[in-house]
C-alpha cells in the first residue's frame, strides 16, 4: 500500500507499507491506541478479519503520510 499526500502542491508525505504486513492479532486494540473513535468504530463494523486488516493498513498509511506533510510545514 502506497499513499502520497500533497499539501499546497509543495509539501509531500509518503508512506509505504507491505500489503501482507503482519499486524497485531487484535487490530481494534491497536487502532484504539492510534486512531480516532470514529475510525475505530469504522474498523469494528468490518466483520471479515482480512478486510479489517486491509482497512487498518489503509488508514495507517493515510495518517502517516499526512503527519509527514504536517510535520514539514
C-alpha atoms as a PDB file:
ATOM      1  CA  UNK A   1       0.000   0.000   0.000  1.00  0.00           C
ATOM      2  CA  UNK A   2       1.399   3.347  -1.015  1.00  0.00           C
ATOM      3  CA  UNK A   3      -0.122   6.631  -0.001  1.00  0.00           C
ATOM      4  CA  UNK A   4       1.053  10.014  -1.148  1.00  0.00           C
ATOM      5  CA  UNK A   5      -0.383  13.145   0.428  1.00  0.00           C
ATOM      6  CA  UNK A   6       0.199  16.528  -1.196  1.00  0.00           C
ATOM      7  CA  UNK A   7      -0.453  19.773   0.658  1.00  0.00           C
ATOM      8  CA  UNK A   8      -0.375  23.154  -1.081  1.00  0.00           C
ATOM      9  CA  UNK A   9       1.354  21.444  -4.014  1.00  0.00           C
ATOM     10  CA  UNK A  10       4.719  21.859  -2.311  1.00  0.00           C
ATOM     11  CA  UNK A  11       4.640  19.519   0.688  1.00  0.00           C
ATOM     12  CA  UNK A  12       4.583  15.759   0.088  1.00  0.00           C
ATOM     13  CA  UNK A  13       4.275  12.936   2.586  1.00  0.00           C
ATOM     14  CA  UNK A  14       4.769   9.315   1.514  1.00  0.00           C
ATOM     15  CA  UNK A  15       4.190   6.115   3.459  1.00  0.00           C
ATOM     16  CA  UNK A  16       4.729   2.647   2.014  1.00  0.00           C
ATOM     17  CA  UNK A  17       3.527  -0.465   3.816  1.00  0.00           C
ATOM     18  CA  UNK A  18       3.778  -4.079   2.748  1.00  0.00           C
ATOM     19  CA  UNK A  19       0.336  -5.395   1.796  1.00  0.00           C
ATOM     20  CA  UNK A  20       0.864  -8.614   3.714  1.00  0.00           C
ATOM     21  CA  UNK A  21       2.392  -6.875   6.709  1.00  0.00           C
ATOM     22  CA  UNK A  22       1.916  -8.705   9.978  1.00  0.00           C
ATOM     23  CA  UNK A  23      -0.168  -6.693  12.403  1.00  0.00           C
ATOM     24  CA  UNK A  24      -1.317  -7.333  15.934  1.00  0.00           C
ATOM     25  CA  UNK A  25      -3.814 -10.149  16.342  1.00  0.00           C
ATOM     26  CA  UNK A  26      -6.275  -7.657  17.747  1.00  0.00           C
ATOM     27  CA  UNK A  27      -6.457  -4.873  15.177  1.00  0.00           C
ATOM     28  CA  UNK A  28      -9.034  -2.940  17.196  1.00  0.00           C
ATOM     29  CA  UNK A  29      -6.794  -2.832  20.244  1.00  0.00           C
ATOM     30  CA  UNK A  30      -4.014  -1.322  18.160  1.00  0.00           C
ATOM     31  CA  UNK A  31      -6.467   1.034  16.438  1.00  0.00           C
ATOM     32  CA  UNK A  32      -7.746   2.330  19.795  1.00  0.00           C
ATOM     33  CA  UNK A  33      -4.210   3.385  20.595  1.00  0.00           C
ATOM     34  CA  UNK A  34      -3.607   5.460  17.447  1.00  0.00           C
ATOM     35  CA  UNK A  35      -6.931   6.144  15.729  1.00  0.00           C
ATOM     36  CA  UNK A  36      -9.894   8.393  16.474  1.00  0.00           C
ATOM     37  CA  UNK A  37     -13.039   6.836  17.980  1.00  0.00           C
ATOM     38  CA  UNK A  38     -14.864   7.145  14.646  1.00  0.00           C
ATOM     39  CA  UNK A  39     -12.037   5.325  12.847  1.00  0.00           C
ATOM     40  CA  UNK A  40     -12.122   2.544  15.452  1.00  0.00           C
ATOM     41  CA  UNK A  41     -15.905   2.278  15.045  1.00  0.00           C
ATOM     42  CA  UNK A  42     -15.469   2.074  11.273  1.00  0.00           C
ATOM     43  CA  UNK A  43     -12.990  -0.808  11.633  1.00  0.00           C
ATOM     44  CA  UNK A  44     -15.191  -2.560  14.203  1.00  0.00           C
ATOM     45  CA  UNK A  45     -18.036  -2.699  11.677  1.00  0.00           C
ATOM     46  CA  UNK A  46     -15.953  -4.791   9.266  1.00  0.00           C
ATOM     47  CA  UNK A  47     -16.739  -8.448  10.077  1.00  0.00           C
ATOM     48  CA  UNK A  48     -14.026 -10.086   7.939  1.00  0.00           C
ATOM     49  CA  UNK A  49     -10.614 -10.041   9.737  1.00  0.00           C
ATOM     50  CA  UNK A  50      -8.666  -9.850   6.468  1.00  0.00           C
ATOM     51  CA  UNK A  51     -10.741  -6.929   5.198  1.00  0.00           C
ATOM     52  CA  UNK A  52     -10.430  -5.269   8.609  1.00  0.00           C
ATOM     53  CA  UNK A  53      -6.634  -5.595   8.458  1.00  0.00           C
ATOM     54  CA  UNK A  54      -6.533  -4.124   4.922  1.00  0.00           C
ATOM     55  CA  UNK A  55      -8.599  -1.141   6.022  1.00  0.00           C
ATOM     56  CA  UNK A  56      -6.401  -0.693   9.095  1.00  0.00           C
ATOM     57  CA  UNK A  57      -3.288  -0.526   6.910  1.00  0.00           C
ATOM     58  CA  UNK A  58      -5.034   1.867   4.512  1.00  0.00           C
ATOM     59  CA  UNK A  59      -5.940   4.212   7.381  1.00  0.00           C
ATOM     60  CA  UNK A  60      -2.459   3.849   8.863  1.00  0.00           C
ATOM     61  CA  UNK A  61      -0.709   4.849   5.628  1.00  0.00           C
ATOM     62  CA  UNK A  62      -3.051   7.809   5.180  1.00  0.00           C
ATOM     63  CA  UNK A  63      -2.326   9.029   8.713  1.00  0.00           C
ATOM     64  CA  UNK A  64       1.442   8.615   8.441  1.00  0.00           C
ATOM     65  CA  UNK A  65       1.693  10.397   5.096  1.00  0.00           C
ATOM     66  CA  UNK A  66      -0.476  13.256   6.367  1.00  0.00           C
ATOM     67  CA  UNK A  67       1.621  13.560   9.522  1.00  0.00           C
ATOM     68  CA  UNK A  68       4.761  13.747   7.385  1.00  0.00           C
ATOM     69  CA  UNK A  69       3.267  16.646   5.447  1.00  0.00           C
ATOM     70  CA  UNK A  70       2.118  18.480   8.560  1.00  0.00           C
ATOM     71  CA  UNK A  71       5.468  17.958  10.249  1.00  0.00           C
ATOM     72  CA  UNK A  72       7.280  19.562   7.308  1.00  0.00           C
ATOM     73  CA  UNK A  73       5.160  22.739   7.303  1.00  0.00           C
END
